[in-house]
């Protein structure tokens, strides 16, 4: 069973996006640059992370060749019309095993892709990170690619307790929500990606290791997050709409967000910022 490695939140201005997430109470890693034109900052949680991303060097973005997937070009094109959650990265069993599993499931795979980048450590030193990504796309989800992220570097080089400690008490990514007019139309690809798919009222859900993942009808999304609108949908497509992060104490979040004048909604054990006020992706913080 796959888990969530990280989610990609894309915006046109990385500094503005990072400033907003710092106001939400997330500790961010220093800015980093990919060799393919995108730059990022990360909010590291327990075993997963949020990647804040923008195209910072458009001259370095490569176009996709036949059979390839260009991470930089996809996010560049995504940002031409919108901002928000552009991709979801799943945990990896090793890139060779990931490819073999996806091929057996009949998924559309792109050429293997690997890259390295430098990362600044809390003491100011720099280390080399090494990743192998396996991209999966589906014609009915053109704005929602998935990929597995194989970390080839030692865990201690990447994960740092200083970056995993947050003013809002964030612990882990607990849930992802997609939206589709007809969620059951996507059951085939979801089964090939995740295995079992369970119907629920207004949508379908799959099992992830340590997290939830559901595709909801727009009305069901509105019931889940009152006062929030689902992102616009092209005919037949499904796309990412929201994510939920588990926190230690919702009272701490409420006080922090009020102090920082965050336009949030509170319902039950959840506080959330609608996508219109959060760079296109609804962000929800909740207790377990």
C-alpha atoms as a PDB file:
ATOM      1  CA  UNK A   1       0.000   0.000   0.000  1.00  0.00           C
ATOM      2  CA  UNK A   2       1.416   3.348  -1.036  1.00  0.00           C
ATOM      3  CA  UNK A   3       1.563   6.337   1.274  1.00  0.00           C
ATOM      4  CA  UNK A   4       1.966  10.056   0.662  1.00  0.00           C
ATOM      5  CA  UNK A   5       5.536  11.188   0.130  1.00  0.00           C
ATOM      6  CA  UNK A   6       4.607  14.781  -0.607  1.00  0.00           C
ATOM      7  CA  UNK A   7       2.169  17.042  -2.385  1.00  0.00           C
ATOM      8  CA  UNK A   8       3.130  19.788  -4.823  1.00  0.00           C
ATOM      9  CA  UNK A   9       1.578  23.229  -4.352  1.00  0.00           C
ATOM     10  CA  UNK A  10       2.370  25.476  -7.320  1.00  0.00           C
ATOM     11  CA  UNK A  11       2.151  29.267  -7.394  1.00  0.00           C
ATOM     12  CA  UNK A  12       3.495  31.972  -9.663  1.00  0.00           C
ATOM     13  CA  UNK A  13       5.394  33.712  -6.859  1.00  0.00           C
ATOM     14  CA  UNK A  14       7.294  31.398  -4.529  1.00  0.00           C
ATOM     15  CA  UNK A  15       8.032  34.152  -2.014  1.00  0.00           C
ATOM     16  CA  UNK A  16       4.348  35.062  -1.664  1.00  0.00           C
ATOM     17  CA  UNK A  17       3.352  31.401  -1.333  1.00  0.00           C
ATOM     18  CA  UNK A  18       6.070  30.766   1.256  1.00  0.00           C
ATOM     19  CA  UNK A  19       5.078  33.863   3.216  1.00  0.00           C
ATOM     20  CA  UNK A  20       1.480  32.668   3.366  1.00  0.00           C
ATOM     21  CA  UNK A  21       2.459  29.200   4.606  1.00  0.00           C
ATOM     22  CA  UNK A  22       4.719  30.734   7.226  1.00  0.00           C
ATOM     23  CA  UNK A  23       1.724  32.793   8.402  1.00  0.00           C
ATOM     24  CA  UNK A  24      -0.213  29.506   8.599  1.00  0.00           C
ATOM     25  CA  UNK A  25       2.451  28.377  11.064  1.00  0.00           C
ATOM     26  CA  UNK A  26       4.647  26.100   8.950  1.00  0.00           C
ATOM     27  CA  UNK A  27       8.423  26.090   9.272  1.00  0.00           C
ATOM     28  CA  UNK A  28       9.974  26.058   5.800  1.00  0.00           C
ATOM     29  CA  UNK A  29      13.309  24.869   4.497  1.00  0.00           C
ATOM     30  CA  UNK A  30      15.546  27.424   2.740  1.00  0.00           C
ATOM     31  CA  UNK A  31      14.904  28.031  -0.982  1.00  0.00           C
ATOM     32  CA  UNK A  32      16.278  25.350  -3.308  1.00  0.00           C
ATOM     33  CA  UNK A  33      16.646  25.212  -7.076  1.00  0.00           C
ATOM     34  CA  UNK A  34      15.943  22.280  -9.408  1.00  0.00           C
ATOM     35  CA  UNK A  35      18.073  21.835 -12.532  1.00  0.00           C
ATOM     36  CA  UNK A  36      14.910  21.906 -14.667  1.00  0.00           C
ATOM     37  CA  UNK A  37      13.703  25.424 -13.889  1.00  0.00           C
ATOM     38  CA  UNK A  38      11.583  25.074 -10.760  1.00  0.00           C
ATOM     39  CA  UNK A  39      12.454  26.206  -7.264  1.00  0.00           C
ATOM     40  CA  UNK A  40      10.923  25.110  -3.985  1.00  0.00           C
ATOM     41  CA  UNK A  41      10.663  25.354  -0.254  1.00  0.00           C
ATOM     42  CA  UNK A  42       9.422  22.482   1.901  1.00  0.00           C
ATOM     43  CA  UNK A  43       7.320  22.040   5.029  1.00  0.00           C
ATOM     44  CA  UNK A  44       8.628  18.759   6.431  1.00  0.00           C
ATOM     45  CA  UNK A  45       6.176  16.765   8.535  1.00  0.00           C
ATOM     46  CA  UNK A  46       6.342  13.271  10.020  1.00  0.00           C
ATOM     47  CA  UNK A  47       7.202  11.047   7.058  1.00  0.00           C
ATOM     48  CA  UNK A  48       5.741  13.374   4.423  1.00  0.00           C
ATOM     49  CA  UNK A  49       6.119  16.955   3.304  1.00  0.00           C
ATOM     50  CA  UNK A  50       4.470  19.843   1.490  1.00  0.00           C
ATOM     51  CA  UNK A  51       6.426  21.149  -1.487  1.00  0.00           C
ATOM     52  CA  UNK A  52       5.867  24.825  -2.284  1.00  0.00           C
ATOM     53  CA  UNK A  53       6.931  25.295  -5.885  1.00  0.00           C
ATOM     54  CA  UNK A  54       7.233  27.854  -8.651  1.00  0.00           C
ATOM     55  CA  UNK A  55       9.006  28.243 -11.969  1.00  0.00           C
ATOM     56  CA  UNK A  56      12.003  30.315 -10.887  1.00  0.00           C
ATOM     57  CA  UNK A  57      14.252  29.877 -13.943  1.00  0.00           C
ATOM     58  CA  UNK A  58      11.994  29.518 -16.990  1.00  0.00           C
ATOM     59  CA  UNK A  59      15.013  29.437 -19.292  1.00  0.00           C
ATOM     60  CA  UNK A  60      16.027  26.092 -17.748  1.00  0.00           C
ATOM     61  CA  UNK A  61      12.665  24.349 -18.274  1.00  0.00           C
ATOM     62  CA  UNK A  62      13.045  21.469 -20.763  1.00  0.00           C
ATOM     63  CA  UNK A  63      10.227  20.507 -23.103  1.00  0.00           C
ATOM     64  CA  UNK A  64       9.026  16.915 -22.863  1.00  0.00           C
ATOM     65  CA  UNK A  65      10.366  14.626 -25.574  1.00  0.00           C
ATOM     66  CA  UNK A  66       8.299  11.661 -26.827  1.00  0.00           C
ATOM     67  CA  UNK A  67       7.781   9.178 -24.018  1.00  0.00           C
ATOM     68  CA  UNK A  68       9.032  11.622 -21.369  1.00  0.00           C
ATOM     69  CA  UNK A  69       7.374  13.716 -18.699  1.00  0.00           C
ATOM     70  CA  UNK A  70       8.836  17.168 -18.007  1.00  0.00           C
ATOM     71  CA  UNK A  71       8.209  18.183 -14.395  1.00  0.00           C
ATOM     72  CA  UNK A  72       9.229  21.751 -15.154  1.00  0.00           C
ATOM     73  CA  UNK A  73       7.150  22.100 -18.326  1.00  0.00           C
ATOM     74  CA  UNK A  74       4.067  20.578 -16.719  1.00  0.00           C
ATOM     75  CA  UNK A  75       4.140  22.982 -13.780  1.00  0.00           C
ATOM     76  CA  UNK A  76       4.922  25.915 -16.061  1.00  0.00           C
ATOM     77  CA  UNK A  77       1.881  25.117 -18.187  1.00  0.00           C
ATOM     78  CA  UNK A  78      -0.258  24.515 -15.095  1.00  0.00           C
ATOM     79  CA  UNK A  79       0.637  27.971 -13.793  1.00  0.00           C
ATOM     80  CA  UNK A  80      -0.317  29.661 -17.042  1.00  0.00           C
ATOM     81  CA  UNK A  81      -3.997  29.260 -16.107  1.00  0.00           C
ATOM     82  CA  UNK A  82      -4.147  28.580 -12.357  1.00  0.00           C
ATOM     83  CA  UNK A  83      -2.422  27.964  -9.056  1.00  0.00           C
ATOM     84  CA  UNK A  84      -2.970  25.145  -6.594  1.00  0.00           C
ATOM     85  CA  UNK A  85      -2.125  21.523  -5.963  1.00  0.00           C
ATOM     86  CA  UNK A  86      -0.601  20.371  -9.219  1.00  0.00           C
ATOM     87  CA  UNK A  87       0.710  16.873  -8.420  1.00  0.00           C
ATOM     88  CA  UNK A  88       0.808  14.160  -5.766  1.00  0.00           C
ATOM     89  CA  UNK A  89       3.920  12.149  -4.935  1.00  0.00           C
ATOM     90  CA  UNK A  90       3.535   8.678  -3.436  1.00  0.00           C
ATOM     91  CA  UNK A  91       6.028   6.706  -1.377  1.00  0.00           C
ATOM     92  CA  UNK A  92       8.380   4.426  -3.250  1.00  0.00           C
ATOM     93  CA  UNK A  93       9.525   0.816  -2.918  1.00  0.00           C
ATOM     94  CA  UNK A  94      12.474   1.705  -5.160  1.00  0.00           C
ATOM     95  CA  UNK A  95      12.024   3.112  -8.651  1.00  0.00           C
ATOM     96  CA  UNK A  96      12.552  -0.249 -10.384  1.00  0.00           C
ATOM     97  CA  UNK A  97       9.874  -1.890  -8.216  1.00  0.00           C
ATOM     98  CA  UNK A  98       7.529   1.069  -8.764  1.00  0.00           C
ATOM     99  CA  UNK A  99       7.833   0.774 -12.538  1.00  0.00           C
ATOM    100  CA  UNK A 100       7.299  -2.972 -12.468  1.00  0.00           C
ATOM    101  CA  UNK A 101       4.173  -2.622 -10.312  1.00  0.00           C
ATOM    102  CA  UNK A 102       2.673   0.109 -12.492  1.00  0.00           C
ATOM    103  CA  UNK A 103       3.446  -1.794 -15.684  1.00  0.00           C
ATOM    104  CA  UNK A 104       1.705  -4.898 -14.332  1.00  0.00           C
ATOM    105  CA  UNK A 105      -1.308  -2.708 -13.513  1.00  0.00           C
ATOM    106  CA  UNK A 106      -1.467  -1.414 -17.091  1.00  0.00           C
ATOM    107  CA  UNK A 107      -0.758   2.231 -16.243  1.00  0.00           C
ATOM    108  CA  UNK A 108       0.739   4.721 -18.689  1.00  0.00           C
ATOM    109  CA  UNK A 109       4.358   5.249 -17.683  1.00  0.00           C
ATOM    110  CA  UNK A 110       6.902   7.781 -18.867  1.00  0.00           C
ATOM    111  CA  UNK A 111      10.647   7.352 -19.215  1.00  0.00           C
ATOM    112  CA  UNK A 112      12.597   6.945 -15.954  1.00  0.00           C
ATOM    113  CA  UNK A 113      13.647  10.271 -14.490  1.00  0.00           C
ATOM    114  CA  UNK A 114      16.259  11.096 -11.904  1.00  0.00           C
ATOM    115  CA  UNK A 115      17.895  14.257 -10.655  1.00  0.00           C
ATOM    116  CA  UNK A 116      19.998  15.691  -7.886  1.00  0.00           C
ATOM    117  CA  UNK A 117      19.997  19.037  -6.133  1.00  0.00           C
ATOM    118  CA  UNK A 118      21.743  20.681  -3.230  1.00  0.00           C
ATOM    119  CA  UNK A 119      20.032  21.299   0.081  1.00  0.00           C
ATOM    120  CA  UNK A 120      21.111  23.720   2.781  1.00  0.00           C
ATOM    121  CA  UNK A 121      21.391  22.187   6.225  1.00  0.00           C
ATOM    122  CA  UNK A 122      20.340  23.960   9.444  1.00  0.00           C
ATOM    123  CA  UNK A 123      24.010  24.772  10.141  1.00  0.00           C
ATOM    124  CA  UNK A 124      24.364  26.459   6.735  1.00  0.00           C
ATOM    125  CA  UNK A 125      26.296  23.664   5.036  1.00  0.00           C
ATOM    126  CA  UNK A 126      25.084  22.104   1.779  1.00  0.00           C
ATOM    127  CA  UNK A 127      24.556  18.445   0.883  1.00  0.00           C
ATOM    128  CA  UNK A 128      23.572  16.615  -2.295  1.00  0.00           C
ATOM    129  CA  UNK A 129      20.121  15.040  -2.605  1.00  0.00           C
ATOM    130  CA  UNK A 130      19.315  12.330  -5.154  1.00  0.00           C
ATOM    131  CA  UNK A 131      15.812  11.401  -6.371  1.00  0.00           C
ATOM    132  CA  UNK A 132      14.290   8.915  -8.850  1.00  0.00           C
ATOM    133  CA  UNK A 133      10.727   9.718  -9.958  1.00  0.00           C
ATOM    134  CA  UNK A 134       8.211   7.460 -11.709  1.00  0.00           C
ATOM    135  CA  UNK A 135       5.444   9.461 -13.379  1.00  0.00           C
ATOM    136  CA  UNK A 136       1.927   8.163 -14.067  1.00  0.00           C
ATOM    137  CA  UNK A 137      -0.601  10.149 -16.080  1.00  0.00           C
ATOM    138  CA  UNK A 138      -4.161   9.508 -17.240  1.00  0.00           C
ATOM    139  CA  UNK A 139      -6.044  11.202 -20.073  1.00  0.00           C
ATOM    140  CA  UNK A 140      -9.001  11.941 -17.764  1.00  0.00           C
ATOM    141  CA  UNK A 141      -6.717  13.609 -15.198  1.00  0.00           C
ATOM    142  CA  UNK A 142      -4.599  15.988 -17.297  1.00  0.00           C
ATOM    143  CA  UNK A 143      -4.185  18.369 -14.343  1.00  0.00           C
ATOM    144  CA  UNK A 144      -3.504  15.651 -11.763  1.00  0.00           C
ATOM    145  CA  UNK A 145      -0.375  13.591 -12.413  1.00  0.00           C
ATOM    146  CA  UNK A 146       0.890  11.113  -9.826  1.00  0.00           C
ATOM    147  CA  UNK A 147       4.446   9.977  -9.266  1.00  0.00           C
ATOM    148  CA  UNK A 148       6.465   7.938  -6.825  1.00  0.00           C
ATOM    149  CA  UNK A 149       9.485   9.596  -5.230  1.00  0.00           C
ATOM    150  CA  UNK A 150      12.437   7.326  -4.513  1.00  0.00           C
ATOM    151  CA  UNK A 151      14.840   9.065  -2.097  1.00  0.00           C
ATOM    152  CA  UNK A 152      18.301   7.711  -2.917  1.00  0.00           C
ATOM    153  CA  UNK A 153      20.089   9.746  -0.253  1.00  0.00           C
ATOM    154  CA  UNK A 154      20.372   8.804   3.447  1.00  0.00           C
ATOM    155  CA  UNK A 155      17.239   9.808   5.384  1.00  0.00           C
ATOM    156  CA  UNK A 156      19.240  11.891   7.855  1.00  0.00           C
ATOM    157  CA  UNK A 157      20.494  14.100   5.023  1.00  0.00           C
ATOM    158  CA  UNK A 158      16.941  15.096   4.070  1.00  0.00           C
ATOM    159  CA  UNK A 159      14.807  14.968   7.222  1.00  0.00           C
ATOM    160  CA  UNK A 160      15.702  17.509   9.908  1.00  0.00           C
ATOM    161  CA  UNK A 161      13.915  17.865  13.278  1.00  0.00           C
ATOM    162  CA  UNK A 162      14.343  21.639  13.112  1.00  0.00           C
ATOM    163  CA  UNK A 163      12.326  21.758   9.892  1.00  0.00           C
ATOM    164  CA  UNK A 164       9.738  19.292  11.245  1.00  0.00           C
ATOM    165  CA  UNK A 165       8.770  21.531  14.183  1.00  0.00           C
ATOM    166  CA  UNK A 166       5.958  23.950  13.370  1.00  0.00           C
ATOM    167  CA  UNK A 167       4.251  26.800  15.227  1.00  0.00           C
ATOM    168  CA  UNK A 168       0.863  25.356  14.243  1.00  0.00           C
ATOM    169  CA  UNK A 169       1.763  21.925  15.639  1.00  0.00           C
ATOM    170  CA  UNK A 170       1.520  20.188  12.248  1.00  0.00           C
ATOM    171  CA  UNK A 171       2.219  16.457  12.413  1.00  0.00           C
ATOM    172  CA  UNK A 172       1.394  14.721   9.129  1.00  0.00           C
ATOM    173  CA  UNK A 173      -0.595  14.880   5.910  1.00  0.00           C
ATOM    174  CA  UNK A 174      -3.793  13.066   6.837  1.00  0.00           C
ATOM    175  CA  UNK A 175      -6.052  13.322   3.776  1.00  0.00           C
ATOM    176  CA  UNK A 176      -6.243  14.365   0.127  1.00  0.00           C
ATOM    177  CA  UNK A 177      -9.433  15.340  -1.668  1.00  0.00           C
ATOM    178  CA  UNK A 178      -9.950  15.400  -5.404  1.00  0.00           C
ATOM    179  CA  UNK A 179     -13.110  16.616  -7.130  1.00  0.00           C
ATOM    180  CA  UNK A 180     -14.875  15.154 -10.177  1.00  0.00           C
ATOM    181  CA  UNK A 181     -18.372  15.500 -11.584  1.00  0.00           C
ATOM    182  CA  UNK A 182     -18.558  11.698 -11.777  1.00  0.00           C
ATOM    183  CA  UNK A 183     -16.031  10.134  -9.362  1.00  0.00           C
ATOM    184  CA  UNK A 184     -16.972   6.568 -10.334  1.00  0.00           C
ATOM    185  CA  UNK A 185     -15.736   7.244 -13.866  1.00  0.00           C
ATOM    186  CA  UNK A 186     -12.198   7.252 -12.457  1.00  0.00           C
ATOM    187  CA  UNK A 187     -12.433   3.980 -10.545  1.00  0.00           C
ATOM    188  CA  UNK A 188     -10.415   2.105 -13.184  1.00  0.00           C
ATOM    189  CA  UNK A 189      -7.264   4.198 -12.916  1.00  0.00           C
ATOM    190  CA  UNK A 190      -7.633   4.497  -9.131  1.00  0.00           C
ATOM    191  CA  UNK A 191      -7.738   0.706  -8.810  1.00  0.00           C
ATOM    192  CA  UNK A 192      -4.632   0.379 -10.949  1.00  0.00           C
ATOM    193  CA  UNK A 193      -2.864   2.975  -8.825  1.00  0.00           C
ATOM    194  CA  UNK A 194      -4.034   2.056  -5.349  1.00  0.00           C
ATOM    195  CA  UNK A 195      -5.874  -1.264  -5.370  1.00  0.00           C
ATOM    196  CA  UNK A 196      -9.270  -1.353  -3.660  1.00  0.00           C
ATOM    197  CA  UNK A 197     -11.720   1.489  -4.267  1.00  0.00           C
ATOM    198  CA  UNK A 198     -14.641   1.967  -1.866  1.00  0.00           C
ATOM    199  CA  UNK A 199     -17.821   3.866  -2.843  1.00  0.00           C
ATOM    200  CA  UNK A 200     -19.088   6.469  -0.377  1.00  0.00           C
ATOM    201  CA  UNK A 201     -21.975   8.915  -0.500  1.00  0.00           C
ATOM    202  CA  UNK A 202     -20.987  11.481  -3.112  1.00  0.00           C
ATOM    203  CA  UNK A 203     -17.706   9.903  -4.151  1.00  0.00           C
ATOM    204  CA  UNK A 204     -15.151   7.120  -3.882  1.00  0.00           C
ATOM    205  CA  UNK A 205     -12.188   6.524  -1.565  1.00  0.00           C
ATOM    206  CA  UNK A 206      -9.002   4.479  -1.735  1.00  0.00           C
ATOM    207  CA  UNK A 207      -6.695   3.230   0.962  1.00  0.00           C
ATOM    208  CA  UNK A 208      -3.323   4.848   1.517  1.00  0.00           C
ATOM    209  CA  UNK A 209      -0.764   3.928   4.137  1.00  0.00           C
ATOM    210  CA  UNK A 210      -1.489   6.315   6.997  1.00  0.00           C
ATOM    211  CA  UNK A 211      -3.727   8.715   5.071  1.00  0.00           C
ATOM    212  CA  UNK A 212      -7.102   9.075   3.376  1.00  0.00           C
ATOM    213  CA  UNK A 213      -7.725   9.801  -0.295  1.00  0.00           C
ATOM    214  CA  UNK A 214     -11.164  10.510  -1.750  1.00  0.00           C
ATOM    215  CA  UNK A 215     -12.608  11.791  -5.010  1.00  0.00           C
ATOM    216  CA  UNK A 216     -15.773  13.782  -4.306  1.00  0.00           C
ATOM    217  CA  UNK A 217     -18.604  15.220  -6.350  1.00  0.00           C
ATOM    218  CA  UNK A 218     -18.698  19.042  -6.161  1.00  0.00           C
ATOM    219  CA  UNK A 219     -21.775  18.938  -3.887  1.00  0.00           C
ATOM    220  CA  UNK A 220     -20.081  16.470  -1.539  1.00  0.00           C
ATOM    221  CA  UNK A 221     -16.985  18.672  -1.475  1.00  0.00           C
ATOM    222  CA  UNK A 222     -19.174  21.645  -0.521  1.00  0.00           C
ATOM    223  CA  UNK A 223     -20.716  19.597   2.301  1.00  0.00           C
ATOM    224  CA  UNK A 224     -17.293  18.564   3.547  1.00  0.00           C
ATOM    225  CA  UNK A 225     -15.989  22.138   3.458  1.00  0.00           C
ATOM    226  CA  UNK A 226     -18.952  24.518   3.911  1.00  0.00           C
ATOM    227  CA  UNK A 227     -18.318  27.918   2.380  1.00  0.00           C
ATOM    228  CA  UNK A 228     -15.612  26.642   0.021  1.00  0.00           C
ATOM    229  CA  UNK A 229     -15.952  26.186  -3.712  1.00  0.00           C
ATOM    230  CA  UNK A 230     -14.540  23.269  -5.662  1.00  0.00           C
ATOM    231  CA  UNK A 231     -12.075  24.201  -8.426  1.00  0.00           C
ATOM    232  CA  UNK A 232     -13.517  24.448 -11.961  1.00  0.00           C
ATOM    233  CA  UNK A 233     -13.642  21.187 -13.865  1.00  0.00           C
ATOM    234  CA  UNK A 234     -13.342  20.424 -17.526  1.00  0.00           C
ATOM    235  CA  UNK A 235     -15.783  17.787 -18.762  1.00  0.00           C
ATOM    236  CA  UNK A 236     -14.923  14.349 -17.431  1.00  0.00           C
ATOM    237  CA  UNK A 237     -11.828  15.322 -15.468  1.00  0.00           C
ATOM    238  CA  UNK A 238     -10.784  14.869 -11.848  1.00  0.00           C
ATOM    239  CA  UNK A 239      -8.417  17.257 -10.118  1.00  0.00           C
ATOM    240  CA  UNK A 240      -6.847  17.948  -6.745  1.00  0.00           C
ATOM    241  CA  UNK A 241      -8.818  20.329  -4.541  1.00  0.00           C
ATOM    242  CA  UNK A 242      -7.839  20.084  -0.857  1.00  0.00           C
ATOM    243  CA  UNK A 243      -5.566  18.504   1.692  1.00  0.00           C
ATOM    244  CA  UNK A 244      -5.790  18.034   5.446  1.00  0.00           C
ATOM    245  CA  UNK A 245      -2.928  18.120   7.936  1.00  0.00           C
ATOM    246  CA  UNK A 246      -3.230  16.638  11.416  1.00  0.00           C
ATOM    247  CA  UNK A 247      -2.121  18.943  14.246  1.00  0.00           C
ATOM    248  CA  UNK A 248      -1.576  18.494  17.958  1.00  0.00           C
ATOM    249  CA  UNK A 249      -3.857  21.275  19.258  1.00  0.00           C
ATOM    250  CA  UNK A 250      -6.513  23.076  17.217  1.00  0.00           C
ATOM    251  CA  UNK A 251      -6.731  25.847  19.803  1.00  0.00           C
ATOM    252  CA  UNK A 252      -3.125  26.782  19.065  1.00  0.00           C
ATOM    253  CA  UNK A 253      -3.942  26.964  15.355  1.00  0.00           C
ATOM    254  CA  UNK A 254      -7.012  29.121  15.918  1.00  0.00           C
ATOM    255  CA  UNK A 255      -5.095  31.602  18.059  1.00  0.00           C
ATOM    256  CA  UNK A 256      -2.221  31.742  15.561  1.00  0.00           C
ATOM    257  CA  UNK A 257      -4.474  32.201  12.527  1.00  0.00           C
ATOM    258  CA  UNK A 258      -6.476  34.923  14.258  1.00  0.00           C
ATOM    259  CA  UNK A 259      -3.269  36.723  15.194  1.00  0.00           C
ATOM    260  CA  UNK A 260      -2.002  36.458  11.600  1.00  0.00           C
ATOM    261  CA  UNK A 261      -5.393  37.461  10.139  1.00  0.00           C
ATOM    262  CA  UNK A 262      -5.856  34.260   8.167  1.00  0.00           C
ATOM    263  CA  UNK A 263      -9.364  34.099   6.566  1.00  0.00           C
ATOM    264  CA  UNK A 264     -10.314  30.667   7.904  1.00  0.00           C
ATOM    265  CA  UNK A 265     -13.505  28.693   8.471  1.00  0.00           C
ATOM    266  CA  UNK A 266     -14.062  26.552  11.566  1.00  0.00           C
ATOM    267  CA  UNK A 267     -16.301  23.485  11.671  1.00  0.00           C
ATOM    268  CA  UNK A 268     -16.131  20.708  14.238  1.00  0.00           C
ATOM    269  CA  UNK A 269     -12.525  19.668  14.775  1.00  0.00           C
ATOM    270  CA  UNK A 270     -11.366  21.371  11.575  1.00  0.00           C
ATOM    271  CA  UNK A 271     -10.081  24.782  10.587  1.00  0.00           C
ATOM    272  CA  UNK A 272      -9.532  25.464   6.899  1.00  0.00           C
ATOM    273  CA  UNK A 273      -8.708  28.182   4.416  1.00  0.00           C
ATOM    274  CA  UNK A 274     -10.697  27.939   1.155  1.00  0.00           C
ATOM    275  CA  UNK A 275      -8.707  27.619  -2.026  1.00  0.00           C
ATOM    276  CA  UNK A 276      -9.620  31.125  -3.198  1.00  0.00           C
ATOM    277  CA  UNK A 277      -7.699  32.489  -0.214  1.00  0.00           C
ATOM    278  CA  UNK A 278      -4.899  29.887  -0.253  1.00  0.00           C
ATOM    279  CA  UNK A 279      -3.301  29.996  -3.700  1.00  0.00           C
ATOM    280  CA  UNK A 280      -5.839  27.619  -5.208  1.00  0.00           C
ATOM    281  CA  UNK A 281      -5.624  24.649  -2.813  1.00  0.00           C
ATOM    282  CA  UNK A 282      -7.846  24.420   0.261  1.00  0.00           C
ATOM    283  CA  UNK A 283      -5.682  23.735   3.320  1.00  0.00           C
ATOM    284  CA  UNK A 284      -7.338  22.171   6.350  1.00  0.00           C
ATOM    285  CA  UNK A 285      -5.815  21.604   9.775  1.00  0.00           C
ATOM    286  CA  UNK A 286      -7.494  19.242  12.209  1.00  0.00           C
ATOM    287  CA  UNK A 287      -6.978  17.050  15.214  1.00  0.00           C
ATOM    288  CA  UNK A 288      -7.103  13.264  14.805  1.00  0.00           C
END
